[in-house]
Protein backbone atom coordinates (compact mmCIF):
# COMPACT_ATOMS: atom_id res chain seq x y z
CA UNK A 1 86.68 -9.81 28.42
CA UNK A 2 84.66 -6.61 28.62
CA UNK A 3 84.28 -4.06 25.88
CA UNK A 4 83.00 -0.54 25.82
CA UNK A 5 81.89 1.43 22.81
CA UNK A 6 81.11 5.08 22.31
CA UNK A 7 78.59 6.12 19.70
CA UNK A 8 78.96 9.56 18.14
CA UNK A 9 76.38 11.02 15.94
CA UNK A 10 77.32 13.58 13.81
CA UNK A 11 104.36 11.98 27.15
CA UNK A 12 106.90 12.15 27.90
CA UNK A 13 106.21 12.86 24.27
CA UNK A 14 106.76 9.69 22.30
CA UNK A 15 106.88 8.42 18.76
CA UNK A 16 104.42 6.34 16.87
CA UNK A 17 105.53 5.51 13.56
CA UNK A 18 106.91 4.23 10.53
CA UNK A 19 108.94 7.09 9.66
CA UNK A 20 111.79 4.78 10.13
CA UNK A 21 110.88 2.69 7.32
CA UNK A 22 113.20 4.85 5.42
CA UNK A 23 116.24 4.94 7.59
CA UNK A 24 116.51 1.22 7.03
CA UNK A 25 116.85 1.69 3.34
CA UNK A 26 119.31 3.26 0.98
CA UNK A 27 119.99 6.85 1.84
CA UNK A 28 118.92 8.24 -1.51
CA UNK A 29 119.31 11.93 -2.17
CA UNK A 30 118.41 14.87 -0.03
CA UNK A 31 117.34 18.36 -0.91
CA UNK A 32 118.31 21.37 1.12
CA UNK A 33 117.18 24.22 0.50
CA UNK A 34 76.24 16.48 1.23
CA UNK A 35 77.11 17.22 4.82
CA UNK A 36 77.45 15.00 7.82
CA UNK A 37 75.85 15.54 11.21
CA UNK A 38 76.93 15.19 14.81
CA UNK A 39 74.84 14.68 17.89
CA UNK A 40 74.51 12.43 20.88
CA UNK A 41 76.51 11.27 23.85
CA UNK A 42 79.44 9.25 25.08
CA UNK A 43 80.11 6.09 26.98
CA UNK A 44 82.83 4.86 29.27
CA UNK A 45 86.17 3.61 27.97
CA UNK A 46 85.95 0.17 29.58
CA UNK A 47 88.58 -2.52 29.84
CA UNK A 48 89.54 -5.67 28.03
CA UNK A 49 91.14 -8.78 29.26
CA UNK A 50 94.04 -8.85 29.35
CA UNK A 51 108.45 -15.11 11.46
CA UNK A 52 108.43 -14.83 8.43
CA UNK A 53 111.31 -15.01 5.94
CA UNK A 54 113.95 -12.44 5.21
CA UNK A 55 114.66 -10.24 2.24
CA UNK A 56 117.49 -8.05 1.08
CA UNK A 57 117.02 -4.33 1.56
CA UNK A 58 116.71 -3.68 -2.12
CA UNK A 59 115.02 -6.72 -3.61
CA UNK A 60 111.46 -7.81 -4.24
CA UNK A 61 110.08 -11.08 -5.49
CA UNK A 62 108.76 -11.38 -9.04
CA UNK A 63 105.50 -10.04 -10.36
CA UNK A 64 102.22 -11.91 -10.49
CA UNK A 65 98.48 -11.60 -10.92
CA UNK A 66 96.22 -9.51 -8.77
CA UNK A 67 92.55 -9.98 -8.03
CA UNK A 68 89.83 -7.39 -7.61
CA UNK A 69 86.51 -8.28 -6.02
CA UNK A 70 83.77 -5.69 -6.17
CA UNK A 71 81.15 -7.92 -4.68
CA UNK A 72 82.32 -8.48 -1.13
CA UNK A 73 83.10 -12.20 -1.40
CA UNK A 74 86.86 -11.86 -1.64
CA UNK A 75 86.92 -14.30 -4.54
CA UNK A 76 87.87 -11.77 -7.16
CA UNK A 77 88.29 -11.71 -10.91
CA UNK A 78 91.63 -12.31 -12.59
CA UNK A 79 93.43 -9.06 -13.41
CA UNK A 80 96.83 -8.23 -14.95
CA UNK A 81 99.92 -8.40 -12.74
CA UNK A 82 101.93 -5.58 -11.20
CA UNK A 83 101.70 -2.72 -13.72
CA UNK A 84 104.88 -2.29 -15.75
CA UNK A 85 103.87 1.03 -17.33
CA UNK A 86 102.10 4.16 -16.17
CA UNK A 87 99.29 3.43 -18.62
CA UNK A 88 98.72 0.02 -17.00
CA UNK A 89 98.74 1.63 -13.54
CA UNK A 90 96.04 4.08 -14.61
CA UNK A 91 93.83 1.21 -15.78
CA UNK A 92 94.39 -0.95 -12.70
CA UNK A 93 93.82 1.69 -9.98
CA UNK A 94 95.74 0.48 -6.95
CA UNK A 95 98.34 1.81 -4.51
CA UNK A 96 100.95 1.45 -7.29
CA UNK A 97 101.27 4.45 -9.62
CA UNK A 98 103.43 7.08 -11.31
CA UNK A 99 102.36 10.36 -9.65
CA UNK A 100 101.98 11.25 -5.97
CA UNK A 101 101.54 14.30 -3.71
CA UNK A 102 103.50 13.97 -0.42
CA UNK A 103 102.27 16.49 2.14
CA UNK A 104 103.83 17.60 5.43
CA UNK A 105 101.29 17.48 8.28
CA UNK A 106 101.08 18.97 11.77
CA UNK A 107 103.84 17.70 14.10
CA UNK A 108 104.71 20.79 16.10
CA UNK A 109 106.62 19.24 19.01
CA UNK A 110 109.26 17.72 16.78
CA UNK A 111 112.92 18.65 17.30
CA UNK A 112 114.23 20.51 14.23
CA UNK A 113 117.09 18.03 13.72
CA UNK A 114 114.69 15.39 12.40
CA UNK A 115 113.79 15.21 8.70
CA UNK A 116 110.74 14.72 6.49
CA UNK A 117 111.20 12.10 3.77
CA UNK A 118 109.54 9.85 1.24
CA UNK A 119 110.54 6.27 0.50
CA UNK A 120 109.91 4.91 -3.00
CA UNK A 121 109.94 1.24 -4.01
CA UNK A 122 110.11 0.01 -7.60
CA UNK A 123 108.27 -3.32 -8.09
CA UNK A 124 108.66 -3.29 -11.90
CA UNK A 125 111.26 -4.81 -14.23
CA UNK A 126 112.47 -1.39 -15.47
CA UNK A 127 114.49 1.41 -13.90
CA UNK A 128 112.30 4.13 -12.38
CA UNK A 129 113.41 7.72 -12.95
CA UNK A 130 111.86 9.75 -10.14
CA UNK A 131 111.67 13.54 -9.93
CA UNK A 132 110.37 15.52 -6.94
CA UNK A 133 109.19 19.10 -7.38
CA UNK A 134 107.57 21.75 -5.25
CA UNK A 135 105.92 24.73 -6.89
CA UNK A 136 107.37 23.71 -10.24
CA UNK A 137 110.94 23.73 -8.91
CA UNK A 138 112.87 20.47 -8.89
CA UNK A 139 114.13 19.58 -5.41
CA UNK A 140 115.29 15.98 -5.92
CA UNK A 141 115.92 13.36 -8.59
CA UNK A 142 116.68 9.67 -8.21
CA UNK A 143 116.89 6.49 -10.29
CA UNK A 144 115.58 3.28 -8.72
CA UNK A 145 116.65 -0.07 -10.17
CA UNK A 146 114.11 -2.88 -10.57
CA UNK A 147 113.17 -4.13 -7.12
CA UNK A 148 115.04 -1.23 -5.51
CA UNK A 149 114.20 1.26 -2.77
CA UNK A 150 115.39 4.83 -2.23
CA UNK A 151 114.88 7.36 0.53
CA UNK A 152 114.52 11.00 -0.49
CA UNK A 153 114.82 13.60 2.27
CA UNK A 154 112.81 16.77 1.72
CA UNK A 155 112.72 20.16 3.48
CA UNK A 156 109.96 20.70 6.01
CA UNK A 157 107.10 23.01 5.10
CA UNK A 158 107.06 24.97 8.35
CA UNK A 159 103.53 26.35 8.02
CA UNK A 160 102.16 22.81 7.73
CA UNK A 161 104.36 21.23 10.40
CA UNK A 162 103.00 23.92 12.77
CA UNK A 163 106.27 24.48 14.62
CA UNK A 164 105.23 28.05 15.50
CA UNK A 165 101.82 27.16 16.93
CA UNK A 166 98.72 25.26 15.88
CA UNK A 167 96.19 26.88 13.55
CA UNK A 168 94.32 26.10 10.36
CA UNK A 169 96.25 27.21 7.31
CA UNK A 170 96.17 27.28 3.52
CA UNK A 171 99.62 27.07 1.91
CA UNK A 172 100.14 27.82 -1.76
CA UNK A 173 102.31 25.13 -3.38
CA UNK A 174 102.65 23.47 0.02
CA UNK A 175 102.77 19.89 -1.29
CA UNK A 176 105.54 18.00 -3.02
CA UNK A 177 104.89 16.47 -6.44
CA UNK A 178 106.51 13.12 -7.25
CA UNK A 179 106.58 11.75 -10.80
CA UNK A 180 108.09 8.45 -11.94
CA UNK A 181 108.74 6.99 -15.38
CA UNK A 182 107.33 3.61 -14.28
CA UNK A 183 104.95 2.60 -11.47
CA UNK A 184 106.26 2.79 -7.90
CA UNK A 185 104.88 2.64 -4.38
CA UNK A 186 105.45 5.64 -2.11
CA UNK A 187 105.37 6.25 1.64
CA UNK A 188 105.92 9.51 3.51
CA UNK A 189 107.60 9.76 6.89
CA UNK A 190 106.93 12.51 9.41
CA UNK A 191 109.75 12.41 10.42
CA UNK A 192 112.12 9.88 8.84
CA UNK A 193 114.17 9.05 11.95
CA UNK A 194 112.98 8.01 15.40
CA UNK A 195 116.45 8.54 16.90
CA UNK A 196 119.43 10.71 15.95
CA UNK A 197 122.40 10.21 18.23
CA UNK A 198 121.13 10.46 21.78
CA UNK A 199 117.99 12.38 20.79
CA UNK A 200 114.63 10.69 20.26
CA UNK A 201 112.15 12.33 17.91
CA UNK A 202 109.29 11.28 20.21
CA UNK A 203 106.65 11.92 17.56
CA UNK A 204 106.68 9.88 14.33
CA UNK A 205 104.27 8.37 11.87
CA UNK A 206 104.00 7.53 8.19
CA UNK A 207 101.37 7.23 5.48
CA UNK A 208 100.85 4.93 2.53
CA UNK A 209 100.41 7.48 -0.26
CA UNK A 210 97.83 6.98 -3.00
CA UNK A 211 98.68 7.78 -6.63
CA UNK A 212 96.88 10.64 -8.35
CA UNK A 213 95.02 8.28 -10.67
CA UNK A 214 93.46 6.50 -7.65
CA UNK A 215 92.41 9.67 -5.81
CA UNK A 216 88.80 10.84 -5.64
CA UNK A 217 86.58 13.86 -5.02
CA UNK A 218 84.66 12.66 -1.94
CA UNK A 219 86.13 11.60 1.41
CA UNK A 220 85.38 11.20 5.10
CA UNK A 221 88.00 11.90 7.78
CA UNK A 222 89.06 9.52 10.54
CA UNK A 223 91.20 10.99 13.29
CA UNK A 224 91.20 11.63 17.08
CA UNK A 225 89.96 14.55 19.20
CA UNK A 226 91.92 17.48 20.58
CA UNK A 227 94.24 16.25 23.35
CA UNK A 228 93.37 18.23 26.51
CA UNK A 229 96.40 18.02 28.82
CA UNK A 230 97.73 20.09 31.72
CA UNK A 231 100.55 20.03 34.26
CA UNK A 232 99.71 20.82 37.90
CA UNK A 233 102.44 21.43 40.50
CA UNK A 234 102.05 20.59 44.18
CA UNK A 235 103.17 24.11 45.13
CA UNK A 236 100.02 25.62 43.68
CA UNK A 237 101.60 27.13 40.59
CA UNK A 238 98.98 27.84 37.92
CA UNK A 239 97.92 24.87 35.83
CA UNK A 240 98.80 25.36 32.17
CA UNK A 241 96.51 23.63 29.68
CA UNK A 242 97.83 22.34 26.36
CA UNK A 243 95.61 21.42 23.41
CA UNK A 244 97.16 19.35 20.63
CA UNK A 245 94.81 19.15 17.64
CA UNK A 246 93.63 16.58 15.19
CA UNK A 247 93.95 17.62 11.55
CA UNK A 248 92.73 17.12 7.99
CA UNK A 249 95.25 17.98 5.25
CA UNK A 250 93.80 18.41 1.75
CA UNK A 251 95.99 18.70 -1.35
CA UNK A 252 94.74 19.83 -4.76
CA UNK A 253 96.07 18.04 -7.84
CA UNK A 254 94.69 20.53 -10.40
CA UNK A 255 94.19 24.27 -10.75
CA UNK A 256 90.70 25.59 -10.07
CA UNK A 257 89.87 23.06 -7.36
CA UNK A 258 86.95 24.01 -5.12
CA UNK A 259 86.84 22.13 -1.81
CA UNK A 260 83.97 22.04 0.66
CA UNK A 261 84.44 20.70 4.18
CA UNK A 262 81.49 19.95 6.45
CA UNK A 263 83.11 19.83 9.87
CA UNK A 264 82.00 17.71 12.80
CA UNK A 265 84.16 19.78 15.16
CA UNK A 266 85.18 23.24 16.19
CA UNK A 267 88.27 24.20 14.18
CA UNK A 268 90.87 26.87 14.84
CA UNK A 269 91.13 29.86 12.58
CA UNK A 270 94.34 30.86 10.83
CA UNK A 271 95.67 33.31 8.29
CA UNK A 272 93.01 33.44 5.59
CA UNK A 273 91.15 30.44 7.03
CA UNK A 274 88.13 31.04 9.25
CA UNK A 275 87.08 28.81 12.15
CA UNK A 276 84.27 26.31 11.67
CA UNK A 277 81.69 25.06 14.16
CA UNK A 278 80.22 21.54 14.25
CA UNK A 279 77.90 21.08 11.28
CA UNK A 280 79.22 24.15 9.47
CA UNK A 281 80.52 23.96 5.89
CA UNK A 282 83.51 25.91 4.61
CA UNK A 283 84.38 26.41 0.94
CA UNK A 284 87.97 26.89 -0.23
CA UNK A 285 89.67 27.60 -3.56
CA UNK A 286 92.91 25.70 -4.25
CA UNK A 287 95.26 25.38 -7.18
CA UNK A 288 97.56 22.52 -8.12
CA UNK A 289 99.86 21.68 -5.19
CA UNK A 290 98.06 23.94 -2.69
CA UNK A 291 97.36 22.48 0.76
CA UNK A 292 94.51 23.27 3.16
CA UNK A 293 95.11 21.97 6.69
CA UNK A 294 92.26 22.29 9.19
CA UNK A 295 92.97 21.60 12.88
CA UNK A 296 90.53 20.91 15.71
CA UNK A 297 89.68 23.62 18.22
CA UNK A 298 90.98 24.67 21.62
CA UNK A 299 89.01 23.49 24.64
CA UNK A 300 88.26 25.62 27.72
CA UNK A 301 91.27 25.74 30.07
CA UNK A 302 89.66 23.68 32.82
CA UNK A 303 89.07 20.12 33.95
CA UNK A 304 85.92 18.96 32.16
CA UNK A 305 85.09 15.29 32.77
CA UNK A 306 82.44 13.64 30.62
CA UNK A 307 79.77 11.26 31.94
CA UNK A 308 81.51 8.04 32.89
CA UNK A 309 84.89 9.38 31.76
CA UNK A 310 86.75 11.25 34.52
CA UNK A 311 89.95 13.18 33.96
CA UNK A 312 93.02 11.04 34.48
CA UNK A 313 96.11 12.03 36.44
CA UNK A 314 99.69 10.80 36.43
CA UNK A 315 102.73 11.84 38.47
CA UNK A 316 105.32 12.88 35.90
CA UNK A 317 108.13 14.43 37.96
CA UNK A 318 109.73 13.69 41.32
CA UNK A 319 109.10 17.30 42.39
CA UNK A 320 105.36 16.61 42.45
CA UNK A 321 104.23 17.75 39.03
CA UNK A 322 101.09 15.88 37.99
CA UNK A 323 99.70 15.58 34.48
CA UNK A 324 95.95 16.00 34.11
CA UNK A 325 94.35 14.38 31.04
CA UNK A 326 90.69 15.10 30.32
CA UNK A 327 88.45 13.51 27.67
CA UNK A 328 87.50 15.69 24.73
CA UNK A 329 83.81 15.88 23.82
CA UNK A 330 82.81 14.96 20.25
CA UNK A 331 82.56 18.59 19.16
CA UNK A 332 86.39 18.68 19.24
CA UNK A 333 86.78 15.59 17.04
CA UNK A 334 87.08 15.91 13.24
CA UNK A 335 86.17 12.25 12.70
CA UNK A 336 83.18 12.06 10.35
CA UNK A 337 83.90 15.37 8.64
CA UNK A 338 83.12 15.19 4.93
CA UNK A 339 85.47 16.58 2.27
CA UNK A 340 84.20 17.10 -1.28
CA UNK A 341 85.79 18.70 -4.34
CA UNK A 342 85.14 19.32 -8.01
CA UNK A 343 88.52 17.75 -8.94
CA UNK A 344 90.72 15.02 -7.52
CA UNK A 345 92.26 15.71 -4.13
CA UNK A 346 94.47 13.90 -1.65
CA UNK A 347 93.31 13.75 1.99
CA UNK A 348 95.54 12.81 4.94
CA UNK A 349 94.00 12.86 8.41
CA UNK A 350 95.58 12.37 11.81
CA UNK A 351 96.75 14.16 14.93
CA UNK A 352 99.60 16.45 15.92
CA UNK A 353 100.26 14.30 19.02
CA UNK A 354 97.67 12.26 20.93
CA UNK A 355 97.27 9.80 23.80
CA UNK A 356 95.30 6.62 23.07
CA UNK A 357 93.32 6.27 25.23
CA UNK A 358 93.16 9.88 26.36
CA UNK A 359 94.33 9.10 29.91
CA UNK A 360 97.43 7.01 29.17
CA UNK A 361 100.91 8.10 28.09
CA UNK A 362 102.52 8.70 25.72
CA UNK A 363 101.50 11.07 22.96
CA UNK A 364 102.41 10.47 19.35
CA UNK A 365 101.92 12.00 15.94
CA UNK A 366 99.54 9.85 13.88
CA UNK A 367 98.53 10.15 10.23
CA UNK A 368 97.18 8.12 7.31
CA UNK A 369 95.83 8.63 3.80
CA UNK A 370 92.04 8.50 3.66
CA UNK A 371 90.49 6.28 0.99
CA UNK A 372 88.04 7.87 -1.51
CA UNK A 373 84.42 7.19 -0.55
CA UNK A 374 83.69 5.21 -3.71
CA UNK A 375 86.46 2.73 -2.80
CA UNK A 376 85.00 1.93 0.64
CA UNK A 377 83.36 -1.48 0.94
CA UNK A 378 80.90 -3.47 3.04
CA UNK A 379 83.20 -6.15 4.45
CA UNK A 380 86.33 -5.67 6.57
CA UNK A 381 88.45 -7.89 8.80
CA UNK A 382 90.05 -6.05 11.74
CA UNK A 383 93.01 -7.80 13.34
CA UNK A 384 94.79 -6.87 16.55
CA UNK A 385 98.56 -6.37 16.58
CA UNK A 386 100.95 -8.82 18.23
CA UNK A 387 101.04 -8.38 22.01
CA UNK A 388 104.16 -6.37 22.76
CA UNK A 389 104.39 -7.94 26.24
CA UNK A 390 104.40 -11.48 24.82
CA UNK A 391 106.57 -11.22 21.71
CA UNK A 392 109.05 -13.87 22.85
CA UNK A 393 106.77 -15.96 25.06
CA UNK A 394 103.54 -16.09 23.02
CA UNK A 395 104.03 -15.31 19.31
CA UNK A 396 100.67 -14.58 17.71
CA UNK A 397 98.97 -13.37 20.88
CA UNK A 398 96.83 -10.27 20.12
CA UNK A 399 97.28 -6.92 21.85
CA UNK A 400 94.94 -4.07 22.80
CA UNK A 401 93.63 -1.67 20.20
CA UNK A 402 90.84 0.85 19.73
CA UNK A 403 88.71 0.69 16.60
CA UNK A 404 86.49 3.35 15.02
CA UNK A 405 83.73 2.29 12.63
CA UNK A 406 82.10 5.02 10.52
CA UNK A 407 79.26 4.85 8.04
CA UNK A 408 79.58 6.55 4.66
CA UNK A 409 75.85 6.21 3.90
CA UNK A 410 72.55 6.90 5.65
CA UNK A 411 70.57 4.09 7.29
CA UNK A 412 73.57 1.77 7.26
CA UNK A 413 73.20 -1.31 9.48
CA UNK A 414 76.55 -2.67 10.67
CA UNK A 415 77.17 -6.09 12.25
CA UNK A 416 80.17 -7.59 14.04
CA UNK A 417 81.48 -11.17 14.14
CA UNK A 418 82.45 -12.06 16.83
CA UNK A 419 79.99 -9.61 18.48
CA UNK A 420 82.48 -7.14 19.98
CA UNK A 421 79.70 -4.55 19.65
CA UNK A 422 75.93 -4.84 19.19
CA UNK A 423 74.57 -4.34 15.69
CA UNK A 424 74.16 -0.63 15.02
CA UNK A 425 72.52 1.53 12.35
CA UNK A 426 74.35 4.76 11.47
CA UNK A 427 73.92 7.62 9.04
CA UNK A 428 76.68 9.08 6.90
CA UNK A 429 79.50 10.46 9.04
CA UNK A 430 78.25 8.81 12.24
CA UNK A 431 80.62 6.47 14.03
CA UNK A 432 81.27 4.31 17.05
CA UNK A 433 84.46 3.52 18.93
CA UNK A 434 85.12 0.01 20.21
CA UNK A 435 87.80 -0.70 22.76
CA UNK A 436 90.04 -1.53 24.26
CA UNK A 437 89.72 -4.84 22.44
CA UNK A 438 92.18 -7.66 21.76
CA UNK A 439 89.83 -9.71 19.59
CA UNK A 440 90.03 -10.01 15.81
CA UNK A 441 86.63 -9.44 14.21
CA UNK A 442 84.69 -8.85 11.01
CA UNK A 443 82.67 -5.75 10.15
CA UNK A 444 79.83 -6.20 7.63
CA UNK A 445 77.42 -3.49 6.57
CA UNK A 446 74.53 -2.75 4.25
CA UNK A 447 76.44 0.07 2.58
CA UNK A 448 79.87 1.70 2.55
CA UNK A 449 81.76 1.77 5.84
CA UNK A 450 85.18 3.05 6.91
CA UNK A 451 87.14 1.41 9.73
CA UNK A 452 90.33 2.59 11.43
CA UNK A 453 92.37 0.91 14.13
CA UNK A 454 94.54 2.69 16.68
CA UNK A 455 97.46 1.24 18.60
CA UNK A 456 97.63 2.26 22.26
CA UNK A 457 100.21 4.18 24.29
CA UNK A 458 103.04 2.22 25.87
CA UNK A 459 101.90 2.97 29.42
CA UNK A 460 98.50 1.44 28.68
CA UNK A 461 100.24 -1.92 28.35
CA UNK A 462 101.88 -1.69 31.77
CA UNK A 463 105.46 -1.38 32.91
CA UNK A 464 106.42 -4.72 31.35
CA UNK A 465 105.61 -3.61 27.80
CA UNK A 466 108.89 -1.84 27.00
CA UNK A 467 107.67 -0.68 23.59
CA UNK A 468 104.72 0.72 21.68
CA UNK A 469 102.70 3.92 21.38
CA UNK A 470 99.76 5.30 19.34
CA UNK A 471 99.59 4.67 15.60
CA UNK A 472 96.79 4.82 13.02
CA UNK A 473 95.89 2.56 10.10
CA UNK A 474 92.80 2.48 7.90
CA UNK A 475 91.44 -1.05 7.47
CA UNK A 476 91.35 -2.47 3.94
CA UNK A 477 87.98 -3.59 2.56
CA UNK A 478 87.90 -7.26 1.62
CA UNK A 479 86.67 -6.06 -1.76
CA UNK A 480 90.06 -4.39 -2.31
CA UNK A 481 92.29 -7.32 -1.30
CA UNK A 482 95.04 -8.37 -3.72
CA UNK A 483 97.03 -11.54 -4.46
CA UNK A 484 100.41 -9.80 -4.50
CA UNK A 485 102.09 -7.16 -2.33
CA UNK A 486 105.43 -5.53 -1.77
CA UNK A 487 105.89 -3.77 1.56
CA UNK A 488 108.59 -2.16 3.67
CA UNK A 489 109.65 -2.56 7.31
CA UNK A 490 112.13 -0.28 9.13
CA UNK A 491 115.36 -1.93 10.27
CA UNK A 492 115.71 0.55 13.13
CA UNK A 493 112.58 -0.61 14.96
CA UNK A 494 112.99 -3.28 17.60
CA UNK A 495 110.16 -5.43 16.24
CA UNK A 496 108.38 -5.48 12.87
CA UNK A 497 105.26 -7.47 12.01
CA UNK A 498 102.83 -8.17 9.21
CA UNK A 499 99.30 -9.41 9.87
CA UNK A 500 98.15 -11.65 7.01
CA UNK A 501 94.38 -12.02 6.60
CA UNK A 502 93.28 -14.89 4.38
CA UNK A 503 90.80 -17.71 3.90
CA UNK A 504 91.72 -21.08 5.44
CA UNK A 505 93.85 -23.17 3.12
CA UNK A 506 95.17 -20.20 1.16
CA UNK A 507 98.68 -20.73 -0.20
CA UNK A 508 100.61 -17.55 0.60
CA UNK A 509 104.35 -17.00 0.34
CA UNK A 510 106.50 -14.45 2.14
CA UNK A 511 109.74 -13.76 0.27
CA UNK A 512 109.25 -17.03 -1.61
CA UNK A 513 108.63 -19.23 1.47
CA UNK A 514 105.19 -20.73 2.08
CA UNK A 515 103.57 -19.55 5.33
CA UNK A 516 102.73 -22.62 7.41
CA UNK A 517 99.00 -23.07 8.01
CA UNK A 518 99.67 -23.51 11.75
CA UNK A 519 100.53 -19.80 11.98
CA UNK A 520 96.92 -18.84 11.22
CA UNK A 521 94.14 -18.44 13.79
CA UNK A 522 90.44 -18.21 12.87
CA UNK A 523 88.64 -14.86 13.07
CA UNK A 524 85.44 -15.98 14.79
CA UNK A 525 83.13 -17.81 12.38
CA UNK A 526 83.94 -15.48 9.48
CA UNK A 527 85.75 -17.95 7.24
CA UNK A 528 88.93 -15.86 7.52
CA UNK A 529 92.09 -16.42 9.53
CA UNK A 530 94.98 -14.21 10.61
CA UNK A 531 98.69 -14.84 11.02
CA UNK A 532 100.85 -12.39 12.98
CA UNK A 533 104.35 -12.78 11.53
CA UNK A 534 107.56 -11.13 12.71
CA UNK A 535 109.71 -9.85 9.83
CA UNK A 536 113.15 -8.21 9.68
CA UNK A 537 113.69 -4.70 8.42
CA UNK A 538 113.82 -4.22 4.67
CA UNK A 539 111.71 -4.98 1.62
CA UNK A 540 109.33 -7.94 1.50
CA UNK A 541 107.22 -9.60 -1.18
CA UNK A 542 104.07 -11.66 -0.71
CA UNK A 543 101.99 -13.71 -3.16
CA UNK A 544 98.89 -15.84 -2.77
CA UNK A 545 96.61 -18.10 -4.76
CA UNK A 546 93.59 -16.04 -3.67
CA UNK A 547 92.88 -12.54 -2.42
CA UNK A 548 94.33 -11.69 0.98
CA UNK A 549 95.03 -8.56 3.01
CA UNK A 550 98.03 -7.33 5.00
CA UNK A 551 98.66 -4.79 7.75
CA UNK A 552 102.25 -3.77 8.57
CA UNK A 553 103.34 -2.46 11.99
CA UNK A 554 106.16 -2.39 14.50
CA UNK A 555 107.37 -1.41 17.95
CA UNK A 556 110.27 0.28 19.70
CA UNK A 557 110.47 2.02 23.11
CA UNK A 558 107.66 4.60 23.25
CA UNK A 559 107.04 4.30 19.54
CA UNK A 560 105.00 2.31 17.04
CA UNK A 561 103.94 2.45 13.42
CA UNK A 562 101.10 0.87 11.48
CA UNK A 563 99.91 1.17 7.90
CA UNK A 564 97.79 -0.72 5.36
CA UNK A 565 100.19 -2.89 3.39
CA UNK A 566 98.54 -2.14 0.05
CA UNK A 567 95.20 -2.36 -1.71
CA UNK A 568 93.30 -1.98 -4.92
CA UNK A 569 91.36 1.27 -5.24
CA UNK A 570 88.57 0.28 -7.60
CA UNK A 571 85.06 1.66 -7.23
CA UNK A 572 83.14 -0.86 -5.12
CA UNK A 573 79.64 -1.73 -6.30
CA UNK A 574 77.35 -2.00 -3.28
CA UNK A 575 75.34 -5.21 -2.88
CA UNK A 576 72.16 -4.71 -0.77
CA UNK A 577 72.06 -6.87 2.37
């Protein structure tokens, strides 16, 4: 197995996503109506070699204790169970809360028949009364019984979806505001459906939303560079270049919020929003519910290979039309950009539609909530998804992925076990990319680090794959593992999975059934193991006798989704190494 890493200092259009999560569930109601730096070069992309129980669509298991470890051992300290009141949720600081800010993000290729939505789950013993507003106006209201799930469809915010062209934009009252009478979990889907009738959306993803009380004032962005794509016809017709951007969407939760963004990339200008260059800082004034969305810049309309990374080509039409896919240099990648504010903000980063890797079809919308810097840890376990080509023949076999590892502190030495990459020392905002890799591994660092994993395009897996496409998930620090989770899986996807990351011998149940120890495989010599479990669509509950982590994902033809299954969001105290 060979690996390649890139160090950065500083589709047929398809779907990737979890937006479906919601279509599997009850239909709910619908409403009509200090800076970082960038420098340095690139490497080649390289090559690599090569079920759980069921649950009703509206029911969770009971509540139980959760553990929070701020020391990196994963052992944890006993904490109260799932919060039953908003006051308890404020004290506990996790992905469960009473107030959220769903935000539409750039997905400009999407057919207008598809819908934006949020899905809310109620893990408490009381009915949740949920109200959704935008700009102070109520747009939806729903009651969720204990253990229940509802889907709430919401109108698109056109300026943020970018259906009239891609540009940076600031939208007054652009976000939705969700309030609940008791703690809930909330996911947003962009869009909700991956198929309506005979029409595929071809560009989905979803985000695990963080409650207001767990948000912060300091973040780093993890995304992918501008997609530089053209179509060249054999007849000599002019080649037309397309540039789909990465994005950072920032939502203010209070009036008088001042946001500064130190960009690692060229950004596009827009109405009232100037363009930034790499290393440049922009300052923006936002009020409660306002959204600032910055998108990465346009590249020159020409084939521009990078050292060791030629432009790829693919015949896409029987009349001789060829797609040309060129790598984007780091100055068109918003990864490592730093976002700071004087009041709490929500940050979602992702891409309008990207190939992963850059030379393989198909493109997909990707997005995920960024974790506040103070919640980032020093210890992470990265696990590959189930191989889509071997779902029936080799359950548990890992698949290809790309992984980005970014430092959130200067002079941060980062090690890998197994050694998928040499030890590296990075400054704040600097990052490396590892992949393609099928190996599970541990990331340990001397200071805070952020890790994201990316699922690959279906064509990267070969003609026998039959499913999959790009998706993005932020890895959960071991320090933020829990002993209890509720999570959702979309019934409309062909395959759904949960990766369970735990210490050997851990007693973990899925929907009340103990997971057999034979399902777990060791992650190198780390003292952790992973089980890749297929699950049906619907709601699921997991409990353990010690901290563990989960990642949820799934596949369908030319589509995938992936998201962190839940986490605590405590401030992590750094232990020098």
